[in-house]
Amino acid sequence: MPSDIQEGDFIYHFPDSFKVMRPCECKYYTQDWQTFAVGKNQPGNAETDFVAFDTSEKKLWLIEVKDYRRHPRSKTAEIGLEFARKCRDTLSLLAALQVSPWAHAKKDKTSENDKASDEFQKMKSIQCILHIEIPPAKQKGVSLSSIKDSVRRHLRRLDPKVKVGTASQISHLLPFTIELKP
């Protein structure tokens, strides 16, 4: 059965071969992993909006959605660095879900998130996607080209072919579809 995931104004349609999870809905993440290693001037873990695993290709997709069409970006952190951190933290979560006794104790065998996380250990490749929407009128000082450069610079060791762009720019590069919610 295909999976549909809504994030903001967009719906992502994944084929049958995909297992999809939202880290923010994972009990272990929200109760333990998000605050792991928090200290003075050390923020907790962050997560990508969702993780998709193509079981036929054994490819893991880390997907982050940024939609600034209505509200401009207020964070001062560089988008490329923020996305790289979220990818790193999400991968550490996936590893912890496999080995941590705390994570095993909190697994819900009926949860689609927990079922999907069991599949991720089979990955053979990874693809990072930053779907970003910036309306031309609000792009003052924000260049999609500079965002792409930043993301590629920060993620080149994990994914040298990271995809960055609007839905219309990246849709033809993906094995799933992105639709603007009606």
Protein backbone atom coordinates (compact mmCIF):
# COMPACT_ATOMS: atom_id res chain seq x y z
CA MET A 1 0.00 0.00 0.00
CA PRO A 2 1.49 3.38 -0.99
CA SER A 3 2.30 5.87 1.77
CA ASP A 4 1.20 9.48 1.68
CA ILE A 5 2.89 11.92 4.04
CA GLN A 6 1.78 15.50 4.45
CA GLU A 7 4.27 18.16 5.48
CA GLY A 8 2.88 21.67 5.53
CA ASP A 9 1.20 22.41 2.20
CA PHE A 10 2.77 19.42 0.43
CA ILE A 11 1.81 15.77 0.14
CA TYR A 12 4.52 13.24 -0.66
CA HIS A 13 3.31 10.08 -2.38
CA PHE A 14 5.60 7.07 -1.92
CA PRO A 15 5.30 3.81 -3.87
CA ASP A 16 4.61 0.43 -2.28
CA SER A 17 8.30 -0.45 -1.98
CA PHE A 18 8.90 2.42 0.47
CA LYS A 19 8.77 2.30 4.27
CA VAL A 20 8.34 5.81 5.69
CA MET A 21 8.73 7.19 9.19
CA ARG A 22 8.58 10.56 10.89
CA PRO A 23 11.26 10.73 13.58
CA CYS A 24 9.21 13.36 15.47
CA GLU A 25 6.51 10.69 15.97
CA CYS A 26 8.94 8.06 17.25
CA LYS A 27 8.46 7.53 20.99
CA TYR A 28 12.15 6.86 21.62
CA TYR A 29 13.14 10.04 19.77
CA THR A 30 10.71 12.33 21.58
CA GLN A 31 11.28 10.85 25.03
CA ASP A 32 15.02 10.14 24.94
CA TRP A 33 17.03 10.80 21.80
CA GLN A 34 16.00 14.42 21.21
CA THR A 35 17.66 15.44 24.48
CA PHE A 36 20.61 13.03 24.30
CA ALA A 37 23.93 14.79 25.03
CA VAL A 38 22.30 18.15 25.74
CA GLY A 39 24.56 20.50 27.64
CA LYS A 40 25.44 24.13 28.04
CA ASN A 41 25.62 25.58 24.53
CA GLN A 42 24.99 22.07 23.17
CA PRO A 43 21.54 21.69 21.64
CA GLY A 44 19.80 18.34 21.57
CA ASN A 45 19.41 16.21 18.51
CA ALA A 46 17.41 17.43 15.54
CA GLU A 47 15.65 15.35 12.91
CA THR A 48 14.73 15.48 9.26
CA ASP A 49 11.01 15.77 8.60
CA PHE A 50 10.83 12.19 7.45
CA VAL A 51 12.88 9.20 6.48
CA ALA A 52 11.94 6.92 3.61
CA PHE A 53 13.51 3.58 2.78
CA ASP A 54 13.13 2.06 -0.66
CA THR A 55 13.15 -1.66 0.14
CA SER A 56 13.71 -2.66 -3.50
CA GLU A 57 16.72 -0.37 -4.05
CA LYS A 58 17.96 -0.52 -0.41
CA LYS A 59 18.24 3.28 -0.51
CA LEU A 60 17.56 5.52 2.48
CA TRP A 61 16.11 8.97 1.81
CA LEU A 62 16.48 11.74 4.41
CA ILE A 63 13.95 14.44 3.53
CA GLU A 64 13.70 17.95 4.94
CA VAL A 65 11.03 20.45 3.90
CA LYS A 66 11.45 24.20 4.22
CA ASP A 67 8.57 26.36 3.00
CA TYR A 68 9.20 30.10 3.27
CA ARG A 69 6.39 31.18 0.94
CA ARG A 70 4.30 32.58 3.81
CA HIS A 71 6.85 33.21 6.53
CA PRO A 72 10.47 34.18 5.92
CA ARG A 73 13.24 32.29 7.67
CA SER A 74 13.84 33.60 11.19
CA LYS A 75 16.71 31.34 12.26
CA THR A 76 20.21 32.73 11.95
CA ALA A 77 21.88 29.35 11.41
CA GLU A 78 23.06 28.59 7.89
CA ILE A 79 20.50 26.32 6.18
CA GLY A 80 23.18 23.98 4.82
CA LEU A 81 24.71 23.44 8.25
CA GLU A 82 21.29 23.00 9.88
CA PHE A 83 20.27 20.39 7.29
CA ALA A 84 23.59 18.54 7.62
CA ARG A 85 23.13 18.42 11.40
CA LYS A 86 19.61 17.07 11.00
CA CYS A 87 20.86 14.36 8.62
CA ARG A 88 23.64 13.39 11.05
CA ASP A 89 21.28 13.33 14.03
CA THR A 90 18.65 11.32 12.14
CA LEU A 91 21.25 8.72 11.14
CA SER A 92 22.40 8.47 14.76
CA LEU A 93 18.76 7.95 15.79
CA LEU A 94 18.37 5.13 13.25
CA ALA A 95 21.49 3.44 14.63
CA ALA A 96 20.33 3.87 18.22
CA LEU A 97 16.94 2.38 17.35
CA GLN A 98 18.75 -0.80 16.32
CA VAL A 99 21.05 -1.23 19.32
CA SER A 100 19.76 0.68 22.35
CA PRO A 101 18.00 -1.38 25.03
CA TRP A 102 16.02 1.79 25.86
CA ALA A 103 14.78 1.99 22.27
CA HIS A 104 13.84 -1.71 22.23
CA ALA A 105 11.88 -1.27 25.46
CA LYS A 106 9.89 1.59 23.93
CA LYS A 107 9.16 -0.06 20.59
CA ASP A 108 5.52 -0.33 19.70
CA LYS A 109 5.10 -3.33 17.40
CA THR A 110 1.89 -1.81 16.01
CA SER A 111 3.50 1.55 15.15
CA GLU A 112 4.26 2.12 11.47
CA ASN A 113 7.27 4.23 12.53
CA ASP A 114 8.74 1.38 14.57
CA LYS A 115 8.06 -1.17 11.84
CA ALA A 116 9.76 1.08 9.28
CA SER A 117 12.81 1.66 11.50
CA ASP A 118 13.53 -2.08 11.48
CA GLU A 119 14.00 -1.94 7.69
CA PHE A 120 16.56 0.87 7.70
CA GLN A 121 19.46 -1.33 8.78
CA LYS A 122 19.36 -2.92 5.31
CA MET A 123 20.36 0.30 3.51
CA LYS A 124 23.10 0.22 0.89
CA SER A 125 22.98 3.89 -0.15
CA ILE A 126 21.67 7.22 1.06
CA GLN A 127 20.11 10.25 -0.58
CA CYS A 128 19.54 13.58 1.16
CA ILE A 129 16.78 15.87 -0.10
CA LEU A 130 16.15 19.49 0.88
CA HIS A 131 12.82 20.54 -0.60
CA ILE A 132 12.78 24.33 -0.20
CA GLU A 133 10.20 26.84 -1.35
CA ILE A 134 11.16 30.51 -1.43
CA PRO A 135 8.89 32.90 -3.32
CA PRO A 136 10.76 35.30 -5.62
CA ALA A 137 9.32 38.34 -3.83
CA LYS A 138 10.82 37.21 -0.50
CA GLN A 139 14.24 36.17 -1.78
CA LYS A 140 15.93 39.39 -0.72
CA GLY A 141 19.34 38.31 0.49
CA VAL A 142 18.43 34.64 0.06
CA SER A 143 19.74 32.90 -3.02
CA LEU A 144 18.67 29.36 -3.85
CA SER A 145 22.04 28.96 -5.55
CA SER A 146 23.93 29.88 -2.35
CA ILE A 147 21.69 27.53 -0.33
CA LYS A 148 22.49 24.68 -2.75
CA ASP A 149 26.20 25.43 -2.47
CA SER A 150 26.02 25.46 1.34
CA VAL A 151 24.08 22.19 1.51
CA ARG A 152 26.45 20.46 -0.93
CA ARG A 153 29.50 21.72 0.97
CA HIS A 154 28.21 20.46 4.32
CA LEU A 155 26.85 17.12 3.08
CA ARG A 156 29.42 16.14 0.45
CA ARG A 157 30.98 13.43 2.64
CA LEU A 158 27.61 11.80 3.31
CA ASP A 159 25.84 12.39 0.00
CA PRO A 160 27.84 13.95 -2.84
CA LYS A 161 24.65 14.02 -4.95
CA VAL A 162 22.38 15.77 -2.44
CA LYS A 163 19.26 17.25 -4.07
CA VAL A 164 18.15 20.80 -3.25
CA GLY A 165 15.34 22.75 -4.84
CA THR A 166 11.68 23.55 -5.18
CA ALA A 167 9.15 20.79 -5.84
CA SER A 168 9.14 21.65 -9.54
CA GLN A 169 12.96 21.55 -9.69
CA ILE A 170 13.51 18.21 -7.93
CA SER A 171 10.36 16.17 -8.63
CA HIS A 172 11.71 14.60 -11.84
CA LEU A 173 14.77 13.38 -9.88
CA LEU A 174 12.79 11.43 -7.28
CA PRO A 175 11.12 7.99 -7.25
CA PHE A 176 8.18 9.50 -5.36
CA THR A 177 5.93 12.46 -6.11
CA ILE A 178 5.39 15.82 -4.41
CA GLU A 179 1.99 17.46 -4.71
CA LEU A 180 0.80 20.84 -3.50
CA LYS A 181 -2.13 20.24 -1.20
CA PRO A 182 -5.37 21.40 -2.87
